[in-house]
Amino acid sequence: MSAVTAEPSTAATEVAVAIDLVRRAAIVSPAFLLVGVLGWGLEGLLSSALALVLVAVNFRLGAAIITRAAQISPNALYGAVLGGYVARLALMTAVVLVVKALGVLATVPFAITLLVTHLGLLAWESRHVAMTLAAPGLKPTNQTPQEKRST
């Protein structure tokens, strides 16, 4: 007789968190773009925008890698998280080197935006993540799905 175990539907938890991080990045992006354009002109604006895009892509790629690897095995997940981090870091480095070679990268606004948004968004998001197995992922809200769609 085989035992059937019911697993909770948590496959999309990391995707939900990544989407929430990207949403929060969109909320703070006008401030970073404004600082970039006021301090460094068009190059500052483009550099801040590039950093914001890289942060959003980094979070979404990380979630996609975790989602796929978790379906395979725990060992695949461990390897994918480490390998995915290195690959995403290499991808960001390659993009920065190409843009810098084109001569349109203002290093200061790019670095500030990249570092502050990565760390700031993760700190902001940590307040909204449930740390229980009863409700993994984002903390449940008291809103109905209809109310969430209207906000």
N, C-alpha and C. Protein backbone atom coordinates (compact mmCIF):
# COMPACT_ATOMS: atom_id res chain seq x y z
N MET A 1 0.85 -1.18 0.00
CA MET A 1 0.00 0.00 0.00
C MET A 1 0.89 1.24 0.00
N SER A 2 0.63 2.13 -0.88
CA SER A 2 1.46 3.34 -0.95
C SER A 2 0.76 4.50 -0.26
N ALA A 3 1.55 5.27 0.40
CA ALA A 3 1.02 6.44 1.11
C ALA A 3 1.08 7.64 0.18
N VAL A 4 0.03 8.38 0.15
CA VAL A 4 -0.02 9.60 -0.66
C VAL A 4 0.08 10.78 0.30
N THR A 5 1.06 11.63 0.04
CA THR A 5 1.23 12.81 0.89
C THR A 5 0.75 14.03 0.15
N ALA A 6 0.02 14.83 0.82
CA ALA A 6 -0.46 16.08 0.21
C ALA A 6 0.51 17.19 0.55
N GLU A 7 1.08 17.79 -0.48
CA GLU A 7 1.99 18.90 -0.28
C GLU A 7 1.24 20.21 -0.45
N PRO A 8 1.52 21.17 0.41
CA PRO A 8 0.85 22.46 0.25
C PRO A 8 1.27 23.13 -1.04
N SER A 9 0.42 23.96 -1.56
CA SER A 9 0.69 24.67 -2.81
C SER A 9 1.62 25.85 -2.54
N THR A 10 2.92 25.55 -2.46
CA THR A 10 3.89 26.60 -2.19
C THR A 10 4.88 26.77 -3.33
N ALA A 11 4.60 26.16 -4.46
CA ALA A 11 5.55 26.22 -5.58
C ALA A 11 5.77 27.65 -6.05
N ALA A 12 4.77 28.49 -5.93
CA ALA A 12 4.89 29.84 -6.46
C ALA A 12 5.24 30.87 -5.39
N THR A 13 5.62 30.42 -4.20
CA THR A 13 5.92 31.35 -3.11
C THR A 13 7.04 32.30 -3.49
N GLU A 14 8.12 31.78 -4.01
CA GLU A 14 9.26 32.64 -4.37
C GLU A 14 8.90 33.58 -5.52
N VAL A 15 8.04 33.13 -6.41
CA VAL A 15 7.60 33.99 -7.50
C VAL A 15 6.74 35.13 -6.96
N ALA A 16 5.86 34.83 -6.02
CA ALA A 16 5.02 35.88 -5.42
C ALA A 16 5.88 36.92 -4.71
N VAL A 17 6.90 36.46 -4.01
CA VAL A 17 7.79 37.39 -3.33
C VAL A 17 8.57 38.23 -4.34
N ALA A 18 9.06 37.60 -5.41
CA ALA A 18 9.80 38.35 -6.44
C ALA A 18 8.91 39.38 -7.13
N ILE A 19 7.67 39.00 -7.43
CA ILE A 19 6.75 39.95 -8.06
C ILE A 19 6.49 41.12 -7.12
N ASP A 20 6.34 40.83 -5.83
CA ASP A 20 6.13 41.89 -4.85
C ASP A 20 7.35 42.81 -4.78
N LEU A 21 8.55 42.23 -4.86
CA LEU A 21 9.77 43.05 -4.86
C LEU A 21 9.83 43.95 -6.09
N VAL A 22 9.46 43.41 -7.22
CA VAL A 22 9.47 44.20 -8.46
C VAL A 22 8.43 45.32 -8.36
N ARG A 23 7.27 45.02 -7.79
CA ARG A 23 6.23 46.04 -7.61
C ARG A 23 6.75 47.17 -6.71
N ARG A 24 7.44 46.80 -5.64
CA ARG A 24 7.99 47.81 -4.74
C ARG A 24 9.11 48.61 -5.43
N ALA A 25 9.87 47.96 -6.30
CA ALA A 25 10.90 48.67 -7.06
C ALA A 25 10.26 49.73 -7.96
N ALA A 26 9.12 49.40 -8.54
CA ALA A 26 8.41 50.38 -9.37
C ALA A 26 7.92 51.56 -8.54
N ILE A 27 7.57 51.30 -7.29
CA ILE A 27 7.10 52.37 -6.41
C ILE A 27 8.22 53.36 -6.11
N VAL A 28 9.44 52.85 -5.85
CA VAL A 28 10.55 53.73 -5.46
C VAL A 28 11.33 54.26 -6.67
N SER A 29 11.09 53.72 -7.84
CA SER A 29 11.89 54.11 -9.01
C SER A 29 11.84 55.59 -9.35
N PRO A 30 10.71 56.28 -9.23
CA PRO A 30 10.73 57.72 -9.57
C PRO A 30 11.74 58.51 -8.75
N ALA A 31 11.90 58.16 -7.48
CA ALA A 31 12.85 58.88 -6.63
C ALA A 31 14.28 58.69 -7.14
N PHE A 32 14.63 57.45 -7.49
CA PHE A 32 15.98 57.18 -7.97
C PHE A 32 16.22 57.81 -9.34
N LEU A 33 15.22 57.78 -10.19
CA LEU A 33 15.35 58.39 -11.51
C LEU A 33 15.49 59.90 -11.40
N LEU A 34 14.75 60.50 -10.49
CA LEU A 34 14.84 61.94 -10.29
C LEU A 34 16.22 62.35 -9.77
N VAL A 35 16.72 61.62 -8.80
CA VAL A 35 18.07 61.90 -8.28
C VAL A 35 19.10 61.72 -9.38
N GLY A 36 18.94 60.67 -10.19
CA GLY A 36 19.89 60.44 -11.29
C GLY A 36 19.91 61.56 -12.29
N VAL A 37 18.73 62.02 -12.69
CA VAL A 37 18.68 63.08 -13.70
C VAL A 37 19.11 64.43 -13.14
N LEU A 38 18.76 64.72 -11.88
CA LEU A 38 19.15 66.00 -11.29
C LEU A 38 20.66 66.06 -11.01
N GLY A 39 21.23 64.94 -10.61
CA GLY A 39 22.65 64.95 -10.26
C GLY A 39 23.60 64.72 -11.41
N TRP A 40 23.18 63.93 -12.41
CA TRP A 40 24.10 63.54 -13.47
C TRP A 40 23.52 63.68 -14.86
N GLY A 41 22.39 64.29 -14.98
CA GLY A 41 21.80 64.51 -16.30
C GLY A 41 21.25 63.25 -16.93
N LEU A 42 21.27 63.21 -18.26
CA LEU A 42 20.72 62.08 -18.99
C LEU A 42 21.46 60.77 -18.68
N GLU A 43 22.79 60.85 -18.54
CA GLU A 43 23.56 59.65 -18.19
C GLU A 43 23.15 59.12 -16.82
N GLY A 44 22.89 60.01 -15.88
CA GLY A 44 22.45 59.59 -14.55
C GLY A 44 21.08 58.94 -14.60
N LEU A 45 20.20 59.50 -15.41
CA LEU A 45 18.87 58.92 -15.57
C LEU A 45 18.95 57.52 -16.16
N LEU A 46 19.73 57.38 -17.23
CA LEU A 46 19.88 56.07 -17.88
C LEU A 46 20.57 55.07 -16.95
N SER A 47 21.54 55.53 -16.19
CA SER A 47 22.25 54.65 -15.28
C SER A 47 21.35 54.16 -14.15
N SER A 48 20.55 55.05 -13.60
CA SER A 48 19.61 54.65 -12.55
C SER A 48 18.55 53.71 -13.11
N ALA A 49 18.07 54.00 -14.31
CA ALA A 49 17.08 53.13 -14.94
C ALA A 49 17.65 51.74 -15.19
N LEU A 50 18.89 51.68 -15.67
CA LEU A 50 19.54 50.39 -15.90
C LEU A 50 19.66 49.61 -14.59
N ALA A 51 20.06 50.28 -13.53
CA ALA A 51 20.20 49.61 -12.24
C ALA A 51 18.85 49.08 -11.76
N LEU A 52 17.79 49.85 -11.93
CA LEU A 52 16.46 49.39 -11.52
C LEU A 52 16.02 48.18 -12.33
N VAL A 53 16.29 48.18 -13.62
CA VAL A 53 15.94 47.03 -14.46
C VAL A 53 16.75 45.81 -14.04
N LEU A 54 18.04 45.99 -13.78
CA LEU A 54 18.87 44.87 -13.35
C LEU A 54 18.39 44.29 -12.02
N VAL A 55 17.97 45.12 -11.10
CA VAL A 55 17.46 44.64 -9.82
C VAL A 55 16.19 43.82 -10.03
N ALA A 56 15.28 44.33 -10.83
CA ALA A 56 14.02 43.61 -11.09
C ALA A 56 14.28 42.28 -11.79
N VAL A 57 15.13 42.30 -12.80
CA VAL A 57 15.46 41.07 -13.53
C VAL A 57 16.16 40.08 -12.61
N ASN A 58 17.04 40.56 -11.75
CA ASN A 58 17.75 39.70 -10.82
C ASN A 58 16.78 38.98 -9.89
N PHE A 59 15.82 39.71 -9.32
CA PHE A 59 14.85 39.09 -8.43
C PHE A 59 13.99 38.07 -9.17
N ARG A 60 13.53 38.41 -10.36
CA ARG A 60 12.67 37.49 -11.11
C ARG A 60 13.44 36.25 -11.58
N LEU A 61 14.67 36.43 -12.04
CA LEU A 61 15.47 35.27 -12.44
C LEU A 61 15.77 34.36 -11.26
N GLY A 62 16.08 34.96 -10.12
CA GLY A 62 16.33 34.17 -8.92
C GLY A 62 15.12 33.32 -8.55
N ALA A 63 13.95 33.91 -8.62
CA ALA A 63 12.72 33.17 -8.31
C ALA A 63 12.47 32.06 -9.32
N ALA A 64 12.71 32.34 -10.59
CA ALA A 64 12.51 31.33 -11.63
C ALA A 64 13.46 30.15 -11.45
N ILE A 65 14.69 30.45 -11.11
CA ILE A 65 15.69 29.39 -10.89
C ILE A 65 15.27 28.53 -9.69
N ILE A 66 14.86 29.16 -8.61
CA ILE A 66 14.44 28.41 -7.42
C ILE A 66 13.21 27.56 -7.73
N THR A 67 12.24 28.13 -8.41
CA THR A 67 11.02 27.39 -8.74
C THR A 67 11.34 26.14 -9.55
N ARG A 68 12.15 26.29 -10.56
CA ARG A 68 12.49 25.13 -11.42
C ARG A 68 13.30 24.10 -10.67
N ALA A 69 14.30 24.52 -9.93
CA ALA A 69 15.18 23.58 -9.24
C ALA A 69 14.45 22.86 -8.10
N ALA A 70 13.52 23.53 -7.44
CA ALA A 70 12.79 22.91 -6.34
C ALA A 70 11.93 21.75 -6.83
N GLN A 71 11.56 21.76 -8.08
CA GLN A 71 10.75 20.67 -8.66
C GLN A 71 11.58 19.43 -8.91
N ILE A 72 12.89 19.58 -8.94
CA ILE A 72 13.77 18.45 -9.25
C ILE A 72 14.17 17.70 -7.99
N SER A 73 14.90 18.38 -7.11
CA SER A 73 15.33 17.74 -5.86
C SER A 73 15.95 18.79 -4.95
N PRO A 74 16.09 18.47 -3.66
CA PRO A 74 16.76 19.43 -2.76
C PRO A 74 18.19 19.72 -3.19
N ASN A 75 18.91 18.70 -3.64
CA ASN A 75 20.30 18.93 -4.07
C ASN A 75 20.36 19.82 -5.30
N ALA A 76 19.42 19.63 -6.21
CA ALA A 76 19.37 20.51 -7.38
C ALA A 76 19.07 21.94 -6.94
N LEU A 77 18.22 22.08 -5.95
CA LEU A 77 17.90 23.41 -5.44
C LEU A 77 19.13 24.09 -4.86
N TYR A 78 19.90 23.35 -4.05
CA TYR A 78 21.10 23.93 -3.44
C TYR A 78 22.09 24.37 -4.52
N GLY A 79 22.31 23.51 -5.49
CA GLY A 79 23.24 23.84 -6.57
C GLY A 79 22.74 24.99 -7.43
N ALA A 80 21.44 24.99 -7.69
CA ALA A 80 20.87 26.03 -8.54
C ALA A 80 20.91 27.39 -7.85
N VAL A 81 20.68 27.41 -6.55
CA VAL A 81 20.73 28.69 -5.83
C VAL A 81 22.14 29.27 -5.90
N LEU A 82 23.14 28.45 -5.63
CA LEU A 82 24.53 28.92 -5.69
C LEU A 82 24.94 29.25 -7.12
N GLY A 83 24.70 28.32 -8.03
CA GLY A 83 25.07 28.54 -9.43
C GLY A 83 24.28 29.69 -10.04
N GLY A 84 23.00 29.80 -9.67
CA GLY A 84 22.16 30.88 -10.18
C GLY A 84 22.66 32.23 -9.71
N TYR A 85 23.11 32.28 -8.45
CA TYR A 85 23.65 33.54 -7.93
C TYR A 85 24.88 33.96 -8.73
N VAL A 86 25.78 33.02 -8.96
CA VAL A 86 27.00 33.33 -9.71
C VAL A 86 26.65 33.73 -11.15
N ALA A 87 25.71 33.01 -11.76
CA ALA A 87 25.33 33.32 -13.14
C ALA A 87 24.65 34.69 -13.23
N ARG A 88 23.77 35.01 -12.28
CA ARG A 88 23.10 36.32 -12.29
C ARG A 88 24.10 37.44 -12.04
N LEU A 89 25.07 37.21 -11.16
CA LEU A 89 26.11 38.20 -10.92
C LEU A 89 26.95 38.40 -12.18
N ALA A 90 27.27 37.32 -12.87
CA ALA A 90 28.03 37.42 -14.12
C ALA A 90 27.22 38.16 -15.19
N LEU A 91 25.93 37.90 -15.26
CA LEU A 91 25.07 38.58 -16.23
C LEU A 91 25.03 40.08 -15.95
N MET A 92 24.87 40.46 -14.69
CA MET A 92 24.86 41.88 -14.34
C MET A 92 26.20 42.53 -14.66
N THR A 93 27.28 41.84 -14.38
CA THR A 93 28.62 42.36 -14.67
C THR A 93 28.80 42.55 -16.17
N ALA A 94 28.36 41.59 -16.95
CA ALA A 94 28.49 41.69 -18.41
C ALA A 94 27.69 42.87 -18.95
N VAL A 95 26.48 43.05 -18.46
CA VAL A 95 25.66 44.18 -18.91
C VAL A 95 26.34 45.50 -18.56
N VAL A 96 26.85 45.60 -17.34
CA VAL A 96 27.51 46.83 -16.92
C VAL A 96 28.75 47.11 -17.77
N LEU A 97 29.54 46.09 -18.04
CA LEU A 97 30.75 46.28 -18.85
C LEU A 97 30.41 46.73 -20.27
N VAL A 98 29.37 46.17 -20.84
CA VAL A 98 28.97 46.56 -22.19
C VAL A 98 28.48 48.01 -22.20
N VAL A 99 27.63 48.36 -21.23
CA VAL A 99 27.10 49.72 -21.18
C VAL A 99 28.22 50.72 -20.87
N LYS A 100 29.14 50.34 -20.00
CA LYS A 100 30.27 51.23 -19.69
C LYS A 100 31.15 51.44 -20.92
N ALA A 101 31.35 50.38 -21.71
CA ALA A 101 32.16 50.50 -22.93
C ALA A 101 31.49 51.43 -23.94
N LEU A 102 30.16 51.50 -23.91
CA LEU A 102 29.45 52.41 -24.81
C LEU A 102 29.57 53.86 -24.36
N GLY A 103 30.01 54.07 -23.11
CA GLY A 103 30.24 55.41 -22.61
C GLY A 103 28.99 56.12 -22.11
N VAL A 104 27.95 55.37 -21.76
CA VAL A 104 26.72 56.00 -21.30
C VAL A 104 26.38 55.62 -19.85
N LEU A 105 27.37 55.19 -19.10
CA LEU A 105 27.13 54.78 -17.72
C LEU A 105 27.76 55.78 -16.75
N ALA A 106 26.92 56.36 -15.91
CA ALA A 106 27.42 57.20 -14.82
C ALA A 106 27.52 56.28 -13.60
N THR A 107 28.73 56.02 -13.17
CA THR A 107 28.98 55.00 -12.15
C THR A 107 28.32 55.29 -10.82
N VAL A 108 28.36 56.52 -10.35
CA VAL A 108 27.84 56.85 -9.01
C VAL A 108 26.33 56.62 -8.91
N PRO A 109 25.50 57.19 -9.78
CA PRO A 109 24.07 56.93 -9.63
C PRO A 109 23.71 55.46 -9.87
N PHE A 110 24.45 54.81 -10.77
CA PHE A 110 24.21 53.39 -11.02
C PHE A 110 24.49 52.58 -9.76
N ALA A 111 25.65 52.80 -9.15
CA ALA A 111 26.03 52.03 -7.96
C ALA A 111 25.09 52.32 -6.80
N ILE A 112 24.75 53.58 -6.60
CA ILE A 112 23.84 53.93 -5.50
C ILE A 112 22.49 53.26 -5.70
N THR A 113 21.94 53.37 -6.89
CA THR A 113 20.63 52.78 -7.17
C THR A 113 20.67 51.27 -7.02
N LEU A 114 21.69 50.64 -7.57
CA LEU A 114 21.80 49.18 -7.51
C LEU A 114 21.91 48.69 -6.07
N LEU A 115 22.78 49.28 -5.29
CA LEU A 115 22.99 48.83 -3.92
C LEU A 115 21.81 49.15 -3.01
N VAL A 116 21.33 50.38 -3.09
CA VAL A 116 20.25 50.79 -2.20
C VAL A 116 18.97 50.03 -2.52
N THR A 117 18.66 49.84 -3.80
CA THR A 117 17.42 49.13 -4.12
C THR A 117 17.51 47.65 -3.77
N HIS A 118 18.64 47.01 -4.04
CA HIS A 118 18.76 45.60 -3.66
C HIS A 118 18.56 45.43 -2.16
N LEU A 119 19.34 46.15 -1.39
CA LEU A 119 19.27 45.99 0.07
C LEU A 119 17.98 46.56 0.65
N GLY A 120 17.59 47.74 0.18
CA GLY A 120 16.39 48.38 0.71
C GLY A 120 15.13 47.60 0.40
N LEU A 121 15.02 47.09 -0.83
CA LEU A 121 13.83 46.32 -1.18
C LEU A 121 13.76 45.01 -0.39
N LEU A 122 14.89 44.37 -0.20
CA LEU A 122 14.89 43.13 0.60
C LEU A 122 14.50 43.40 2.04
N ALA A 123 15.00 44.50 2.61
CA ALA A 123 14.63 44.85 3.98
C ALA A 123 13.14 45.19 4.05
N TRP A 124 12.65 45.94 3.08
CA TRP A 124 11.24 46.31 3.03
C TRP A 124 10.37 45.06 2.90
N GLU A 125 10.78 44.16 2.03
CA GLU A 125 10.00 42.95 1.79
C GLU A 125 10.01 42.01 3.00
N SER A 126 11.09 42.02 3.76
CA SER A 126 11.18 41.11 4.91
C SER A 126 10.07 41.37 5.92
N ARG A 127 9.54 42.56 5.94
CA ARG A 127 8.44 42.88 6.84
C ARG A 127 7.13 42.26 6.37
N HIS A 128 7.07 41.83 5.11
CA HIS A 128 5.84 41.33 4.54
C HIS A 128 5.86 39.83 4.25
N VAL A 129 6.91 39.16 4.67
CA VAL A 129 7.02 37.72 4.43
C VAL A 129 6.66 36.98 5.70
N ALA A 130 5.80 36.00 5.55
CA ALA A 130 5.40 35.17 6.70
C ALA A 130 6.52 34.18 7.00
N MET A 131 6.83 34.04 8.25
CA MET A 131 7.90 33.12 8.65
C MET A 131 7.31 31.87 9.31
N THR A 132 6.18 31.42 8.81
CA THR A 132 5.56 30.22 9.35
C THR A 132 5.27 29.26 8.20
N LEU A 133 5.18 27.99 8.53
CA LEU A 133 4.83 27.02 7.50
C LEU A 133 3.34 27.04 7.21
N ALA A 134 2.55 27.63 8.12
CA ALA A 134 1.11 27.69 7.90
C ALA A 134 0.75 28.60 6.74
N ALA A 135 1.51 29.65 6.55
CA ALA A 135 1.25 30.60 5.46
C ALA A 135 2.58 31.05 4.88
N PRO A 136 3.27 30.16 4.13
CA PRO A 136 4.57 30.56 3.58
C PRO A 136 4.41 31.64 2.51
N GLY A 137 5.45 32.40 2.34
CA GLY A 137 5.43 33.46 1.34
C GLY A 137 5.01 34.77 1.94
N LEU A 138 4.19 35.49 1.23
CA LEU A 138 3.72 36.78 1.71
C LEU A 138 2.71 36.58 2.83
N LYS A 139 2.75 37.45 3.82
CA LYS A 139 1.79 37.37 4.92
C LYS A 139 0.38 37.53 4.38
N PRO A 140 -0.54 36.71 4.87
CA PRO A 140 -1.92 36.88 4.43
C PRO A 140 -2.48 38.22 4.89
N THR A 141 -3.31 38.80 4.08
CA THR A 141 -3.96 40.05 4.44
C THR A 141 -5.42 39.77 4.72
N ASN A 142 -6.09 40.72 5.29
CA ASN A 142 -7.51 40.57 5.58
C ASN A 142 -8.38 40.96 4.40
N GLN A 143 -7.76 41.33 3.29
CA GLN A 143 -8.51 41.73 2.11
C GLN A 143 -9.00 40.51 1.35
N THR A 144 -10.16 40.63 0.74
CA THR A 144 -10.66 39.59 -0.13
C THR A 144 -9.96 39.73 -1.48
N PRO A 145 -9.97 38.68 -2.32
CA PRO A 145 -9.34 38.81 -3.64
C PRO A 145 -9.93 39.96 -4.46
N GLN A 146 -11.23 40.21 -4.30
CA GLN A 146 -11.87 41.33 -5.03
C GLN A 146 -11.28 42.66 -4.59
N GLU A 147 -11.05 42.82 -3.27
CA GLU A 147 -10.48 44.07 -2.76
C GLU A 147 -9.05 44.25 -3.24
N LYS A 148 -8.28 43.15 -3.32
CA LYS A 148 -6.89 43.24 -3.77
C LYS A 148 -6.82 43.71 -5.22
N ARG A 149 -7.73 43.23 -6.06
CA ARG A 149 -7.71 43.63 -7.47
C ARG A 149 -8.05 45.09 -7.66
N SER A 150 -8.86 45.65 -6.75
CA SER A 150 -9.27 47.03 -6.92
C SER A 150 -8.23 48.02 -6.40
N THR A 151 -7.21 47.54 -5.65
CA THR A 151 -6.17 48.45 -5.13
C THR A 151 -5.00 48.51 -6.04
